[in-house]
PDB file of N, CA and C in Angstrom:
ATOM      1  N   MET A   1       1.063  -1.085   0.136  1.00  0.00           N
ATOM      2  CA  MET A   1      -0.278   0.343   0.061  1.00  0.00           C
ATOM      3  C   MET A   1       0.759   1.225   0.014  1.00  0.00           C
ATOM      4  N   THR A   2       0.161   2.157  -0.297  1.00  0.00           N
ATOM      5  CA  THR A   2       1.182   3.586  -0.796  1.00  0.00           C
ATOM      6  C   THR A   2       0.829   4.473  -0.467  1.00  0.00           C
ATOM      7  N   ARG A   3       1.478   5.514   0.090  1.00  0.00           N
ATOM      8  CA  ARG A   3       0.619   6.798   0.067  1.00  0.00           C
ATOM      9  C   ARG A   3      -0.940   7.538  -1.017  1.00  0.00           C
ATOM     10  N   ARG A   4      -0.154   7.187  -1.697  1.00  0.00           N
ATOM     11  CA  ARG A   4      -1.567   7.378  -2.902  1.00  0.00           C
ATOM     12  C   ARG A   4      -2.753   6.952  -2.006  1.00  0.00           C
ATOM     13  N   THR A   5      -2.754   5.504  -2.627  1.00  0.00           N
ATOM     14  CA  THR A   5      -3.527   4.002  -2.062  1.00  0.00           C
ATOM     15  C   THR A   5      -4.096   4.021  -0.729  1.00  0.00           C
ATOM     16  N   ALA A   6      -3.337   4.408  -0.136  1.00  0.00           N
ATOM     17  CA  ALA A   6      -3.500   4.273   1.467  1.00  0.00           C
ATOM     18  C   ALA A   6      -5.402   4.681   2.279  1.00  0.00           C
ATOM     19  N   PRO A   7      -5.564   6.014   1.909  1.00  0.00           N
ATOM     20  CA  PRO A   7      -7.202   6.608   2.111  1.00  0.00           C
ATOM     21  C   PRO A   7      -8.027   5.392   1.573  1.00  0.00           C
ATOM     22  N   ARG A   8      -7.450   5.223  -0.138  1.00  0.00           N
ATOM     23  CA  ARG A   8      -8.819   4.954  -0.237  1.00  0.00           C
ATOM     24  C   ARG A   8      -9.188   3.287   0.342  1.00  0.00           C
ATOM     25  N   ALA A   9      -8.075   2.397   0.886  1.00  0.00           N
ATOM     26  CA  ALA A   9      -8.148   1.975   0.895  1.00  0.00           C
ATOM     27  C   ALA A   9      -8.631   1.863   2.847  1.00  0.00           C
ATOM     28  N   VAL A  10      -8.475   3.448   3.136  1.00  0.00           N
ATOM     29  CA  VAL A  10      -9.251   3.199   4.952  1.00  0.00           C
ATOM     30  C   VAL A  10     -11.135   3.303   4.158  1.00  0.00           C
ATOM     31  N   LEU A  11     -11.100   3.773   3.445  1.00  0.00           N
ATOM     32  CA  LEU A  11     -12.057   4.287   2.745  1.00  0.00           C
ATOM     33  C   LEU A  11     -13.747   2.987   2.548  1.00  0.00           C
ATOM     34  N   LEU A  12     -12.341   1.933   1.719  1.00  0.00           N
ATOM     35  CA  LEU A  12     -13.117   0.792   1.180  1.00  0.00           C
ATOM     36  C   LEU A  12     -13.370   0.175   2.487  1.00  0.00           C
ATOM     37  N   ALA A  13     -12.620   0.354   3.847  1.00  0.00           N
ATOM     38  CA  ALA A  13     -12.525  -0.955   4.985  1.00  0.00           C
ATOM     39  C   ALA A  13     -13.906   0.005   5.508  1.00  0.00           C
ATOM     40  N   ALA A  14     -13.595   0.650   5.696  1.00  0.00           N
ATOM     41  CA  ALA A  14     -14.928   1.582   6.224  1.00  0.00           C
ATOM     42  C   ALA A  14     -16.516   1.663   5.443  1.00  0.00           C
ATOM     43  N   GLY A  15     -16.369   0.950   4.227  1.00  0.00           N
ATOM     44  CA  GLY A  15     -17.245   1.036   4.064  1.00  0.00           C
ATOM     45  C   GLY A  15     -17.513  -0.157   4.308  1.00  0.00           C
ATOM     46  N   GLU A  16     -17.409  -0.901   4.012  1.00  0.00           N
ATOM     47  CA  GLU A  16     -17.072  -1.945   3.992  1.00  0.00           C
ATOM     48  C   GLU A  16     -18.102  -3.067   5.620  1.00  0.00           C
ATOM     49  N   LEU A  17     -17.047  -1.791   6.089  1.00  0.00           N
ATOM     50  CA  LEU A  17     -17.881  -2.640   7.641  1.00  0.00           C
ATOM     51  C   LEU A  17     -18.858  -2.008   8.382  1.00  0.00           C
ATOM     52  N   LEU A  18     -18.902  -1.133   7.659  1.00  0.00           N
ATOM     53  CA  LEU A  18     -20.522  -0.103   7.363  1.00  0.00           C
ATOM     54  C   LEU A  18     -21.748  -0.759   6.692  1.00  0.00           C
ATOM     55  N   ALA A  19     -21.657  -1.644   5.636  1.00  0.00           N
ATOM     56  CA  ALA A  19     -22.105  -1.967   5.384  1.00  0.00           C
ATOM     57  C   ALA A  19     -22.482  -3.815   6.463  1.00  0.00           C
ATOM     58  N   TRP A  20     -21.155  -4.364   6.353  1.00  0.00           N
ATOM     59  CA  TRP A  20     -21.987  -5.625   7.449  1.00  0.00           C
ATOM     60  C   TRP A  20     -22.707  -5.279   8.470  1.00  0.00           C
ATOM     61  N   TRP A  21     -22.205  -3.751   9.252  1.00  0.00           N
ATOM     62  CA  TRP A  21     -23.444  -3.899  10.621  1.00  0.00           C
ATOM     63  C   TRP A  21     -24.696  -3.109   9.893  1.00  0.00           C
ATOM     64  N   ALA A  22     -24.545  -3.025   8.323  1.00  0.00           N
ATOM     65  CA  ALA A  22     -26.636  -2.153   8.570  1.00  0.00           C
ATOM     66  C   ALA A  22     -27.314  -3.495   7.856  1.00  0.00           C
ATOM     67  N   VAL A  23     -26.618  -3.874   7.511  1.00  0.00           N
ATOM     68  CA  VAL A  23     -27.445  -5.658   7.095  1.00  0.00           C
ATOM     69  C   VAL A  23     -27.564  -6.324   8.920  1.00  0.00           C
ATOM     70  N   LEU A  24     -26.593  -6.367   9.338  1.00  0.00           N
ATOM     71  CA  LEU A  24     -26.614  -7.569  10.689  1.00  0.00           C
ATOM     72  C   LEU A  24     -27.255  -6.625  11.461  1.00  0.00           C
ATOM     73  N   ALA A  25     -27.964  -5.143  11.661  1.00  0.00           N
ATOM     74  CA  ALA A  25     -28.632  -4.834  13.114  1.00  0.00           C
ATOM     75  C   ALA A  25     -29.949  -4.857  12.361  1.00  0.00           C
ATOM     76  N   LEU A  26     -30.272  -4.512  10.440  1.00  0.00           N
ATOM     77  CA  LEU A  26     -31.787  -4.858   9.655  1.00  0.00           C
ATOM     78  C   LEU A  26     -31.957  -6.258  10.497  1.00  0.00           C
ATOM     79  N   LEU A  27     -31.560  -7.445  10.096  1.00  0.00           N
ATOM     80  CA  LEU A  27     -31.765  -8.812  10.378  1.00  0.00           C
ATOM     81  C   LEU A  27     -32.195  -8.832  11.775  1.00  0.00           C
ATOM     82  N   TRP A  28     -31.164  -8.124  13.143  1.00  0.00           N
ATOM     83  CA  TRP A  28     -31.195  -8.404  14.442  1.00  0.00           C
ATOM     84  C   TRP A  28     -32.048  -7.619  14.341  1.00  0.00           C
ATOM     85  N   LEU A  29     -32.999  -6.145  14.393  1.00  0.00           N
ATOM     86  CA  LEU A  29     -34.433  -5.922  14.126  1.00  0.00           C
ATOM     87  C   LEU A  29     -36.342  -6.675  13.456  1.00  0.00           C
ATOM     88  N   VAL A  30     -35.726  -7.477  12.502  1.00  0.00           N
ATOM     89  CA  VAL A  30     -36.584  -7.854  11.685  1.00  0.00           C
ATOM     90  C   VAL A  30     -36.467  -9.338  12.500  1.00  0.00           C
ATOM     91  N   LEU A  31     -35.990  -9.831  12.903  1.00  0.00           N
ATOM     92  CA  LEU A  31     -35.724 -11.179  14.270  1.00  0.00           C
ATOM     93  C   LEU A  31     -36.301 -11.070  15.842  1.00  0.00           C
ATOM     94  N   ILE A  32     -36.208  -9.544  16.189  1.00  0.00           N
ATOM     95  CA  ILE A  32     -36.903  -9.829  17.229  1.00  0.00           C
ATOM     96  C   ILE A  32     -37.913  -9.902  17.865  1.00  0.00           C
ATOM     97  N   SER A  33     -38.408 -10.104  18.508  1.00  0.00           N
ATOM     98  CA  SER A  33     -39.854  -9.839  18.308  1.00  0.00           C
ATOM     99  C   SER A  33     -40.733  -8.143  19.634  1.00  0.00           C
ATOM    100  N   THR A  34     -39.624  -7.793  20.585  1.00  0.00           N
ATOM    101  CA  THR A  34     -40.078  -6.457  21.418  1.00  0.00           C
ATOM    102  C   THR A  34     -39.069  -5.332  20.590  1.00  0.00           C
ATOM    103  N   VAL A  35     -38.996  -4.165  19.951  1.00  0.00           N
ATOM    104  CA  VAL A  35     -38.159  -3.005  19.793  1.00  0.00           C
ATOM    105  C   VAL A  35     -38.495  -1.949  20.787  1.00  0.00           C
ATOM    106  N   ASP A  36     -37.399  -2.233  21.530  1.00  0.00           N
ATOM    107  CA  ASP A  36     -37.411  -1.123  22.751  1.00  0.00           C
ATOM    108  C   ASP A  36     -36.732  -0.476  22.626  1.00  0.00           C
ATOM    109  N   THR A  37     -36.177   0.625  23.470  1.00  0.00           N
ATOM    110  CA  THR A  37     -34.776   1.414  23.604  1.00  0.00           C
ATOM    111  C   THR A  37     -33.067   0.430  23.550  1.00  0.00           C
ATOM    112  N   LEU A  38     -33.456  -0.330  24.586  1.00  0.00           N
ATOM    113  CA  LEU A  38     -32.133  -1.273  24.869  1.00  0.00           C
ATOM    114  C   LEU A  38     -32.090  -2.396  23.681  1.00  0.00           C
ATOM    115  N   GLU A  39     -32.598  -2.983  23.651  1.00  0.00           N
ATOM    116  CA  GLU A  39     -32.889  -3.773  22.866  1.00  0.00           C
ATOM    117  C   GLU A  39     -31.962  -3.654  21.479  1.00  0.00           C
ATOM    118  N   ARG A  40     -32.307  -1.879  20.973  1.00  0.00           N
ATOM    119  CA  ARG A  40     -31.578  -1.235  19.849  1.00  0.00           C
ATOM    120  C   ARG A  40     -30.343  -1.455  19.967  1.00  0.00           C
ATOM    121  N   ILE A  41     -30.304  -1.144  21.053  1.00  0.00           N
ATOM    122  CA  ILE A  41     -28.387  -1.157  21.816  1.00  0.00           C
ATOM    123  C   ILE A  41     -27.921  -2.273  21.791  1.00  0.00           C
ATOM    124  N   VAL A  42     -28.555  -3.264  22.201  1.00  0.00           N
ATOM    125  CA  VAL A  42     -27.793  -4.602  22.690  1.00  0.00           C
ATOM    126  C   VAL A  42     -27.368  -4.938  19.863  1.00  0.00           C
ATOM    127  N   GLY A  43     -28.702  -4.728  19.735  1.00  0.00           N
ATOM    128  CA  GLY A  43     -28.394  -4.918  18.851  1.00  0.00           C
ATOM    129  C   GLY A  43     -27.311  -3.911  17.470  1.00  0.00           C
ATOM    130  N   ALA A  44     -27.132  -3.272  17.608  1.00  0.00           N
ATOM    131  CA  ALA A  44     -25.897  -2.249  17.215  1.00  0.00           C
ATOM    132  C   ALA A  44     -25.138  -2.269  17.709  1.00  0.00           C
ATOM    133  N   ASN A  45     -24.965  -2.658  18.746  1.00  0.00           N
ATOM    134  CA  ASN A  45     -23.752  -3.650  19.242  1.00  0.00           C
ATOM    135  C   ASN A  45     -22.721  -5.119  19.303  1.00  0.00           C
ATOM    136  N   CYS A  46     -23.710  -5.880  18.587  1.00  0.00           N
ATOM    137  CA  CYS A  46     -23.317  -7.272  18.073  1.00  0.00           C
ATOM    138  C   CYS A  46     -23.446  -7.228  16.073  1.00  0.00           C
ATOM    139  N   ALA A  47     -24.510  -6.077  16.129  1.00  0.00           N
ATOM    140  CA  ALA A  47     -24.170  -5.582  14.418  1.00  0.00           C
ATOM    141  C   ALA A  47     -22.855  -5.849  14.737  1.00  0.00           C
ATOM    142  N   ALA A  48     -22.234  -4.707  15.539  1.00  0.00           N
ATOM    143  CA  ALA A  48     -20.677  -4.189  15.093  1.00  0.00           C
ATOM    144  C   ALA A  48     -19.653  -5.258  15.445  1.00  0.00           C
ATOM    145  N   VAL A  49     -19.971  -5.726  16.784  1.00  0.00           N
ATOM    146  CA  VAL A  49     -18.852  -7.033  16.749  1.00  0.00           C
ATOM    147  C   VAL A  49     -18.900  -8.146  15.773  1.00  0.00           C
ATOM    148  N   GLY A  50     -20.500  -8.585  15.482  1.00  0.00           N
ATOM    149  CA  GLY A  50     -20.315  -8.984  13.649  1.00  0.00           C
ATOM    150  C   GLY A  50     -19.563  -8.326  12.103  1.00  0.00           C
ATOM    151  N   ALA A  51     -19.791  -7.072  12.631  1.00  0.00           N
ATOM    152  CA  ALA A  51     -19.069  -6.175  11.511  1.00  0.00           C
ATOM    153  C   ALA A  51     -17.930  -6.567  10.902  1.00  0.00           C
ATOM    154  N   VAL A  52     -16.845  -6.684  12.545  1.00  0.00           N
ATOM    155  CA  VAL A  52     -15.206  -6.903  12.554  1.00  0.00           C
ATOM    156  C   VAL A  52     -15.918  -8.474  11.920  1.00  0.00           C
ATOM    157  N   LEU A  53     -16.025  -9.089  12.719  1.00  0.00           N
ATOM    158  CA  LEU A  53     -16.133 -10.624  12.876  1.00  0.00           C
ATOM    159  C   LEU A  53     -15.955 -10.862  11.209  1.00  0.00           C
ATOM    160  N   ALA A  54     -17.044 -10.001  10.640  1.00  0.00           N
ATOM    161  CA  ALA A  54     -17.343 -10.531   8.715  1.00  0.00           C
ATOM    162  C   ALA A  54     -16.392 -10.041   7.964  1.00  0.00           C
ATOM    163  N   ARG A  55     -15.597  -9.016   8.390  1.00  0.00           N
ATOM    164  CA  ARG A  55     -14.292  -8.606   7.498  1.00  0.00           C
ATOM    165  C   ARG A  55     -13.050  -9.441   8.118  1.00  0.00           C
ATOM    166  N   ALA A  56     -12.536  -9.535   8.974  1.00  0.00           N
ATOM    167  CA  ALA A  56     -11.398  -9.674   9.284  1.00  0.00           C
ATOM    168  C   ALA A  56     -11.689 -11.456   8.732  1.00  0.00           C
ATOM    169  N   GLY A  57     -13.028 -12.391   8.451  1.00  0.00           N
ATOM    170  CA  GLY A  57     -12.601 -13.634   8.655  1.00  0.00           C
ATOM    171  C   GLY A  57     -12.823 -13.386   6.703  1.00  0.00           C
ATOM    172  N   ARG A  58     -13.765 -12.113   6.194  1.00  0.00           N
ATOM    173  CA  ARG A  58     -13.376 -12.069   4.550  1.00  0.00           C
ATOM    174  C   ARG A  58     -12.102 -11.610   4.385  1.00  0.00           C
ATOM    175  N   ARG A  59     -11.003 -11.196   5.033  1.00  0.00           N
ATOM    176  CA  ARG A  59      -9.686 -10.308   4.363  1.00  0.00           C
ATOM    177  C   ARG A  59      -8.580 -12.138   5.054  1.00  0.00           C
ATOM    178  N   ALA A  60      -9.671 -13.388   5.862  1.00  0.00           N
ATOM    179  CA  ALA A  60      -8.462 -14.422   6.577  1.00  0.00           C
ATOM    180  C   ALA A  60      -8.110 -15.579   4.952  1.00  0.00           C
ATOM    181  N   VAL A  61      -9.997 -15.285   4.391  1.00  0.00           N
ATOM    182  CA  VAL A  61      -9.793 -16.474   3.776  1.00  0.00           C
ATOM    183  C   VAL A  61      -9.215 -15.898   1.748  1.00  0.00           C
ATOM    184  N   GLY A  62      -8.664 -14.160   1.853  1.00  0.00           N
ATOM    185  CA  GLY A  62      -8.477 -14.183   0.774  1.00  0.00           C
ATOM    186  C   GLY A  62      -6.746 -13.490   0.743  1.00  0.00           C
ATOM    187  N   TRP A  63      -6.212 -13.323   2.451  1.00  0.00           N
ATOM    188  CA  TRP A  63      -5.430 -13.580   2.274  1.00  0.00           C
ATOM    189  C   TRP A  63      -3.912 -14.136   1.575  1.00  0.00           C
ATOM    190  N   ARG A  64      -3.116 -13.518   0.445  1.00  0.00           N
ATOM    191  CA  ARG A  64      -2.526 -14.173   0.056  1.00  0.00           C
ATOM    192  C   ARG A  64      -1.266 -13.591  -0.057  1.00  0.00           C
TER     193      ARG A  64
END
């Protein structure tokens, strides 16, 4: 990675994390029975952890 491509790589990584988070948070909201503040907080945190793990897993599979 060069100085020129580093900002692009960071933006792509952040975009991928955000996409994973959005999908997982939406899935959480669809699957729960009640939607209150605590459920939203727990869902957002679980989706964040899942997004980081999904990105790490995808990088591990594609690592060369």
